[in-house]
Amino acid sequence: MQAIIIYGSQYGTTKKYAEKLAEMTNSDICSYDNIKSLSGYDLIVHMGGLYAGGVKGLKQTLKAFPKEGTLFIVTVGLADVHDPENIANIKKSLKSQVPADIYNKAAVFHLRGGIDYSKLGFAHKTMMTLLYKSVKKEPPERQTPENRAIIETFNKKVDFTDFEALKPIAQAMEKKTDSNGGVNP
């Protein structure tokens, strides 16, 4: 199996998930900002924190993505990953970031992360405060799942990390690869 897990993590939750998945699948692992080349890898798993609608590091992974590779995208965010509206919003955002020919063949997974406001940098804390004030003004019936998560977790330390949620991803990685080290179509 020629698989690599690439992660984009701002405060560490996505990195923890990536390290655990690499351990579970015996895959290589690399931070998005250390990508040199992805040639030689058949399966690329990009795990990225959700920030302002984007997936951290995904742009760099896509730049290095091999023409014949298989992509798994794993998002990590605060909002409930079982809420259909939240998933629809994430997928809509992904479709605007990933070329259609790659997106249409990619497997997409969602994990719930965490946040610790005491560890946020000044810019990120300021952005989150402004976002909180903005979404707090919305009537509850007009708030998205992401907005509700921002309100519920504002100025707190929360951790929704669930390593059990990695099992379907690990299983999908195993299904995608065969015992000879190649990727199944």
C-alpha atoms as a PDB file:
ATOM      1  CA  MET A   1       0.000   0.000   0.000  1.00  0.00           C
ATOM      2  CA  GLN A   2       1.477   3.296  -1.068  1.00  0.00           C
ATOM      3  CA  ALA A   3      -0.544   5.649   1.141  1.00  0.00           C
ATOM      4  CA  ILE A   4       0.325   8.935   2.763  1.00  0.00           C
ATOM      5  CA  ILE A   5      -1.632  10.992   5.234  1.00  0.00           C
ATOM      6  CA  ILE A   6      -1.152  14.723   4.869  1.00  0.00           C
ATOM      7  CA  TYR A   7      -2.514  16.979   7.560  1.00  0.00           C
ATOM      8  CA  GLY A   8      -3.224  20.670   7.988  1.00  0.00           C
ATOM      9  CA  SER A   9      -3.535  21.463  11.681  1.00  0.00           C
ATOM     10  CA  GLN A  10      -3.560  24.871  13.324  1.00  0.00           C
ATOM     11  CA  TYR A  11      -3.815  23.904  16.992  1.00  0.00           C
ATOM     12  CA  GLY A  12      -3.160  20.167  17.048  1.00  0.00           C
ATOM     13  CA  THR A  13      -6.478  18.302  16.873  1.00  0.00           C
ATOM     14  CA  THR A  14      -6.124  17.347  13.204  1.00  0.00           C
ATOM     15  CA  LYS A  15      -2.510  16.336  13.784  1.00  0.00           C
ATOM     16  CA  LYS A  16      -3.613  13.987  16.596  1.00  0.00           C
ATOM     17  CA  TYR A  17      -6.160  12.382  14.276  1.00  0.00           C
ATOM     18  CA  ALA A  18      -3.585  12.074  11.479  1.00  0.00           C
ATOM     19  CA  GLU A  19      -0.999  10.475  13.753  1.00  0.00           C
ATOM     20  CA  LYS A  20      -3.534   7.949  15.057  1.00  0.00           C
ATOM     21  CA  LEU A  21      -4.746   7.095  11.518  1.00  0.00           C
ATOM     22  CA  ALA A  22      -1.145   6.670  10.333  1.00  0.00           C
ATOM     23  CA  GLU A  23      -0.549   4.312  13.263  1.00  0.00           C
ATOM     24  CA  MET A  24      -3.744   2.353  12.497  1.00  0.00           C
ATOM     25  CA  THR A  25      -2.929   1.968   8.784  1.00  0.00           C
ATOM     26  CA  ASN A  26       0.876   1.909   8.855  1.00  0.00           C
ATOM     27  CA  SER A  27       0.869   4.864   6.435  1.00  0.00           C
ATOM     28  CA  ASP A  28       3.405   7.606   5.913  1.00  0.00           C
ATOM     29  CA  ILE A  29       2.473  10.972   7.408  1.00  0.00           C
ATOM     30  CA  CYS A  30       3.453  14.543   6.580  1.00  0.00           C
ATOM     31  CA  SER A  31       2.329  18.073   7.382  1.00  0.00           C
ATOM     32  CA  TYR A  32       1.014  19.904   4.305  1.00  0.00           C
ATOM     33  CA  ASP A  33       3.744  22.511   4.629  1.00  0.00           C
ATOM     34  CA  ASN A  34       6.433  19.805   4.253  1.00  0.00           C
ATOM     35  CA  ILE A  35       5.116  18.265   1.023  1.00  0.00           C
ATOM     36  CA  LYS A  36       7.908  17.825  -1.470  1.00  0.00           C
ATOM     37  CA  SER A  37       6.446  15.301  -3.892  1.00  0.00           C
ATOM     38  CA  LEU A  38       3.573  12.848  -3.835  1.00  0.00           C
ATOM     39  CA  SER A  39       4.861  10.729  -6.699  1.00  0.00           C
ATOM     40  CA  GLY A  40       5.039   7.131  -5.651  1.00  0.00           C
ATOM     41  CA  TYR A  41       1.860   7.399  -3.564  1.00  0.00           C
ATOM     42  CA  ASP A  42      -1.331   5.861  -4.885  1.00  0.00           C
ATOM     43  CA  LEU A  43      -3.576   6.956  -2.027  1.00  0.00           C
ATOM     44  CA  ILE A  44      -3.388  10.456  -0.587  1.00  0.00           C
ATOM     45  CA  VAL A  45      -5.431  11.152   2.530  1.00  0.00           C
ATOM     46  CA  HIS A  46      -5.682  14.870   3.263  1.00  0.00           C
ATOM     47  CA  MET A  47      -6.871  15.665   6.777  1.00  0.00           C
ATOM     48  CA  GLY A  48      -7.498  19.354   7.394  1.00  0.00           C
ATOM     49  CA  GLY A  49      -9.061  21.594   9.966  1.00  0.00           C
ATOM     50  CA  LEU A  50     -11.965  23.711   8.752  1.00  0.00           C
ATOM     51  CA  TYR A  51     -11.129  27.416   8.890  1.00  0.00           C
ATOM     52  CA  ALA A  52     -13.311  30.105   7.324  1.00  0.00           C
ATOM     53  CA  GLY A  53     -14.841  27.598   4.928  1.00  0.00           C
ATOM     54  CA  GLY A  54     -11.524  26.203   3.756  1.00  0.00           C
ATOM     55  CA  VAL A  55      -9.672  23.010   4.601  1.00  0.00           C
ATOM     56  CA  LYS A  56      -6.223  23.796   5.973  1.00  0.00           C
ATOM     57  CA  GLY A  57      -3.470  22.725   3.600  1.00  0.00           C
ATOM     58  CA  LEU A  58      -5.752  21.226   0.942  1.00  0.00           C
ATOM     59  CA  LYS A  59      -4.610  23.727  -1.685  1.00  0.00           C
ATOM     60  CA  GLN A  60      -0.976  22.601  -1.295  1.00  0.00           C
ATOM     61  CA  THR A  61      -1.948  18.926  -1.405  1.00  0.00           C
ATOM     62  CA  LEU A  62      -3.896  19.485  -4.614  1.00  0.00           C
ATOM     63  CA  LYS A  63      -0.908  21.232  -6.208  1.00  0.00           C
ATOM     64  CA  ALA A  64       1.241  18.142  -5.593  1.00  0.00           C
ATOM     65  CA  PHE A  65      -1.536  15.602  -6.263  1.00  0.00           C
ATOM     66  CA  PRO A  66      -0.412  12.901  -8.722  1.00  0.00           C
ATOM     67  CA  LYS A  67      -2.487  12.547 -11.883  1.00  0.00           C
ATOM     68  CA  GLU A  68      -3.402   8.906 -11.224  1.00  0.00           C
ATOM     69  CA  GLY A  69      -3.761   9.209  -7.445  1.00  0.00           C
ATOM     70  CA  THR A  70      -6.769   8.518  -5.267  1.00  0.00           C
ATOM     71  CA  LEU A  71      -7.794  11.229  -2.799  1.00  0.00           C
ATOM     72  CA  PHE A  72      -9.547  10.934   0.540  1.00  0.00           C
ATOM     73  CA  ILE A  73     -10.494  14.267   2.118  1.00  0.00           C
ATOM     74  CA  VAL A  74     -11.050  14.278   5.872  1.00  0.00           C
ATOM     75  CA  THR A  75     -12.389  17.497   7.390  1.00  0.00           C
ATOM     76  CA  VAL A  76     -12.051  18.300  11.092  1.00  0.00           C
ATOM     77  CA  GLY A  77     -14.338  20.955  12.550  1.00  0.00           C
ATOM     78  CA  LEU A  78     -16.378  22.034  15.548  1.00  0.00           C
ATOM     79  CA  ALA A  79     -19.880  21.462  14.231  1.00  0.00           C
ATOM     80  CA  ASP A  80     -21.729  18.152  14.573  1.00  0.00           C
ATOM     81  CA  VAL A  81     -20.591  15.774  11.825  1.00  0.00           C
ATOM     82  CA  HIS A  82     -23.918  13.919  11.913  1.00  0.00           C
ATOM     83  CA  ASP A  83     -25.974  16.996  11.009  1.00  0.00           C
ATOM     84  CA  PRO A  84     -26.976  16.772   7.311  1.00  0.00           C
ATOM     85  CA  GLU A  85     -27.082  20.564   6.925  1.00  0.00           C
ATOM     86  CA  ASN A  86     -23.544  20.881   8.261  1.00  0.00           C
ATOM     87  CA  ILE A  87     -22.261  18.151   5.924  1.00  0.00           C
ATOM     88  CA  ALA A  88     -24.020  19.786   2.970  1.00  0.00           C
ATOM     89  CA  ASN A  89     -22.315  23.104   3.762  1.00  0.00           C
ATOM     90  CA  ILE A  90     -18.899  21.448   4.022  1.00  0.00           C
ATOM     91  CA  LYS A  91     -19.368  19.576   0.741  1.00  0.00           C
ATOM     92  CA  LYS A  92     -20.494  22.760  -1.018  1.00  0.00           C
ATOM     93  CA  SER A  93     -17.339  24.493   0.177  1.00  0.00           C
ATOM     94  CA  LEU A  94     -15.163  21.543  -0.890  1.00  0.00           C
ATOM     95  CA  LYS A  95     -16.658  21.579  -4.384  1.00  0.00           C
ATOM     96  CA  SER A  96     -15.472  25.169  -4.768  1.00  0.00           C
ATOM     97  CA  GLN A  97     -11.929  24.243  -3.644  1.00  0.00           C
ATOM     98  CA  VAL A  98     -11.325  20.942  -5.431  1.00  0.00           C
ATOM     99  CA  PRO A  99     -11.327  20.529  -9.220  1.00  0.00           C
ATOM    100  CA  ALA A 100     -14.418  18.563 -10.302  1.00  0.00           C
ATOM    101  CA  ASP A 101     -12.440  15.706 -11.890  1.00  0.00           C
ATOM    102  CA  ILE A 102     -10.670  15.080  -8.564  1.00  0.00           C
ATOM    103  CA  TYR A 103     -13.649  15.801  -6.291  1.00  0.00           C
ATOM    104  CA  ASN A 104     -15.955  13.429  -8.165  1.00  0.00           C
ATOM    105  CA  LYS A 105     -13.556  10.530  -7.519  1.00  0.00           C
ATOM    106  CA  ALA A 106     -12.616  11.504  -3.947  1.00  0.00           C
ATOM    107  CA  ALA A 107     -13.927   9.929  -0.765  1.00  0.00           C
ATOM    108  CA  VAL A 108     -14.944  12.533   1.814  1.00  0.00           C
ATOM    109  CA  PHE A 109     -15.106  12.003   5.581  1.00  0.00           C
ATOM    110  CA  HIS A 110     -15.835  14.343   8.492  1.00  0.00           C
ATOM    111  CA  LEU A 111     -14.499  14.326  12.033  1.00  0.00           C
ATOM    112  CA  ARG A 112     -15.331  16.512  14.989  1.00  0.00           C
ATOM    113  CA  GLY A 113     -12.404  18.437  16.449  1.00  0.00           C
ATOM    114  CA  GLY A 114     -11.978  20.925  19.238  1.00  0.00           C
ATOM    115  CA  ILE A 115     -10.885  24.402  20.185  1.00  0.00           C
ATOM    116  CA  ASP A 116      -9.066  26.009  23.082  1.00  0.00           C
ATOM    117  CA  TYR A 117      -9.550  29.760  23.043  1.00  0.00           C
ATOM    118  CA  SER A 118      -6.634  30.250  25.456  1.00  0.00           C
ATOM    119  CA  LYS A 119      -4.284  28.911  22.753  1.00  0.00           C
ATOM    120  CA  LEU A 120      -5.626  30.955  19.847  1.00  0.00           C
ATOM    121  CA  GLY A 121      -3.327  33.502  18.297  1.00  0.00           C
ATOM    122  CA  PHE A 122      -4.365  37.159  18.344  1.00  0.00           C
ATOM    123  CA  ALA A 123      -5.619  37.192  14.745  1.00  0.00           C
ATOM    124  CA  HIS A 124      -7.584  33.961  15.089  1.00  0.00           C
ATOM    125  CA  LYS A 125      -9.062  35.017  18.453  1.00  0.00           C
ATOM    126  CA  THR A 126     -10.096  38.378  16.979  1.00  0.00           C
ATOM    127  CA  MET A 127     -11.668  36.675  13.965  1.00  0.00           C
ATOM    128  CA  MET A 128     -13.569  34.214  16.192  1.00  0.00           C
ATOM    129  CA  THR A 129     -14.808  37.041  18.430  1.00  0.00           C
ATOM    130  CA  LEU A 130     -16.082  39.008  15.448  1.00  0.00           C
ATOM    131  CA  LEU A 131     -17.674  35.881  14.008  1.00  0.00           C
ATOM    132  CA  TYR A 132     -19.293  35.051  17.359  1.00  0.00           C
ATOM    133  CA  LYS A 133     -20.762  38.560  17.670  1.00  0.00           C
ATOM    134  CA  SER A 134     -22.075  38.359  14.124  1.00  0.00           C
ATOM    135  CA  VAL A 135     -23.730  34.933  14.395  1.00  0.00           C
ATOM    136  CA  LYS A 136     -25.095  35.649  17.877  1.00  0.00           C
ATOM    137  CA  LYS A 137     -27.261  38.391  16.317  1.00  0.00           C
ATOM    138  CA  GLU A 138     -28.976  35.902  13.992  1.00  0.00           C
ATOM    139  CA  PRO A 139     -32.349  34.538  15.121  1.00  0.00           C
ATOM    140  CA  PRO A 140     -31.959  30.896  16.254  1.00  0.00           C
ATOM    141  CA  GLU A 141     -34.053  29.563  13.364  1.00  0.00           C
ATOM    142  CA  ARG A 142     -31.636  31.148  10.857  1.00  0.00           C
ATOM    143  CA  GLN A 143     -28.425  29.891  12.484  1.00  0.00           C
ATOM    144  CA  THR A 144     -26.503  27.166  10.705  1.00  0.00           C
ATOM    145  CA  PRO A 145     -25.060  24.180  12.607  1.00  0.00           C
ATOM    146  CA  GLU A 146     -21.615  25.777  12.306  1.00  0.00           C
ATOM    147  CA  ASN A 147     -22.918  29.021  13.782  1.00  0.00           C
ATOM    148  CA  ARG A 148     -24.554  27.184  16.681  1.00  0.00           C
ATOM    149  CA  ALA A 149     -21.265  25.379  17.351  1.00  0.00           C
ATOM    150  CA  ILE A 150     -19.420  28.711  17.407  1.00  0.00           C
ATOM    151  CA  ILE A 151     -21.915  30.121  19.905  1.00  0.00           C
ATOM    152  CA  GLU A 152     -21.841  27.005  22.117  1.00  0.00           C
ATOM    153  CA  THR A 153     -18.042  26.778  22.262  1.00  0.00           C
ATOM    154  CA  PHE A 154     -17.104  30.473  22.292  1.00  0.00           C
ATOM    155  CA  ASN A 155     -14.308  31.315  24.739  1.00  0.00           C
ATOM    156  CA  LYS A 156     -14.131  27.721  25.987  1.00  0.00           C
ATOM    157  CA  LYS A 157     -11.888  24.710  25.719  1.00  0.00           C
ATOM    158  CA  VAL A 158     -13.732  21.824  24.099  1.00  0.00           C
ATOM    159  CA  ASP A 159     -12.440  18.600  22.614  1.00  0.00           C
ATOM    160  CA  PHE A 160     -14.712  16.313  20.613  1.00  0.00           C
ATOM    161  CA  THR A 161     -11.837  14.098  19.418  1.00  0.00           C
ATOM    162  CA  ASP A 162     -13.098  10.562  18.833  1.00  0.00           C
ATOM    163  CA  PHE A 163     -10.497   8.089  17.573  1.00  0.00           C
ATOM    164  CA  GLU A 164     -13.245   5.494  17.037  1.00  0.00           C
ATOM    165  CA  ALA A 165     -14.482   7.737  14.205  1.00  0.00           C
ATOM    166  CA  LEU A 166     -11.241   6.914  12.341  1.00  0.00           C
ATOM    167  CA  LYS A 167     -12.215   3.258  11.881  1.00  0.00           C
ATOM    168  CA  PRO A 168     -14.405   3.808   8.767  1.00  0.00           C
ATOM    169  CA  ILE A 169     -11.577   5.821   7.192  1.00  0.00           C
ATOM    170  CA  ALA A 170      -9.018   3.107   7.960  1.00  0.00           C
ATOM    171  CA  GLN A 171     -11.389   0.475   6.562  1.00  0.00           C
ATOM    172  CA  ALA A 172     -11.943   2.510   3.388  1.00  0.00           C
ATOM    173  CA  MET A 173      -8.173   2.857   3.003  1.00  0.00           C
ATOM    174  CA  GLU A 174      -7.776  -0.918   3.331  1.00  0.00           C
ATOM    175  CA  LYS A 175     -10.558  -1.559   0.793  1.00  0.00           C
ATOM    176  CA  LYS A 176      -8.988   0.862  -1.650  1.00  0.00           C
ATOM    177  CA  THR A 177      -5.660  -0.939  -1.576  1.00  0.00           C
ATOM    178  CA  ASP A 178      -4.842  -4.542  -2.280  1.00  0.00           C
ATOM    179  CA  SER A 179      -2.211  -6.809  -0.762  1.00  0.00           C
ATOM    180  CA  ASN A 180       0.164  -6.149  -3.668  1.00  0.00           C
ATOM    181  CA  GLY A 181       0.563  -2.497  -2.742  1.00  0.00           C
ATOM    182  CA  GLY A 182      -1.574  -1.051  -5.509  1.00  0.00           C
ATOM    183  CA  VAL A 183      -4.799   0.862  -5.403  1.00  0.00           C
ATOM    184  CA  ASN A 184      -7.977  -0.906  -6.460  1.00  0.00           C
ATOM    185  CA  PRO A 185     -10.093   0.906  -9.041  1.00  0.00           C
END
